[in-house]
Structures are given as C-alpha cells and as structure tokens.
Amino acid sequence: MSAVKVKNLHSGDTGGKGWLRRWMEYKDYDTVPFCSNISCINEAVHGGHVIKVGNADKRRYIVPLCADCNENKDDSFEFYVPEDDLVLLTDLS
C-alpha cells in the first residue's frame, strides 16, 4: 500500500455525508469505510477535502475521514492516507 501525505482544506463545504456517499458510490463501497488517516481507527463520517503535501499537485481530493480528523483546524495537521483512497473532487461533482 502506497501512502500519501495530505492536509485538510477546510473548504467550508457543508456537504456532510453527501461527499462520503459520493466517494462510496465512486469506489463501489457497500459499507461505511474507516477513516483514511492511517493513524486513525475511527469510522468515517465525512468525505473530507484534502490536498497533497510537499509537491506541486494542488488538486483537491476527497477521502473518507472521521469527525476528529476532518474537523481538525490546526493548519499544520498533516497525515498519511492510502493513495488508492484519493478521489479527485472533480470526479465526484
């Protein structure tokens, strides 16, 4: 499994479970996944908006996140997610 470092966008988008539902449909998931943060063990409740850290790719992605990881307002909060969990926001719009 290849992991990628990301950080929250804090987009202000209140899509709530809508983004998670879209991610699940896109990935063909039948059950709610766990948080994509590989250091977390909570169930996902949001489709979190993230960007990759440390490279020129500033595209916006959606990943499943728990409330704690999604709502962390610390701008220095960076975490690793499986690369396969990243779905471009434009693919879900």
Foldseek 3Di string as FASTA:
>chain_A
DDKFKKAFPPPVDPCWCVLVVLLCVVVVHPDFQDAQQPVDGHTFRGQTWIATPDDPGGFIWTAGHHPVRRVPPPRVDMGMGPPVRTDGPVVRD
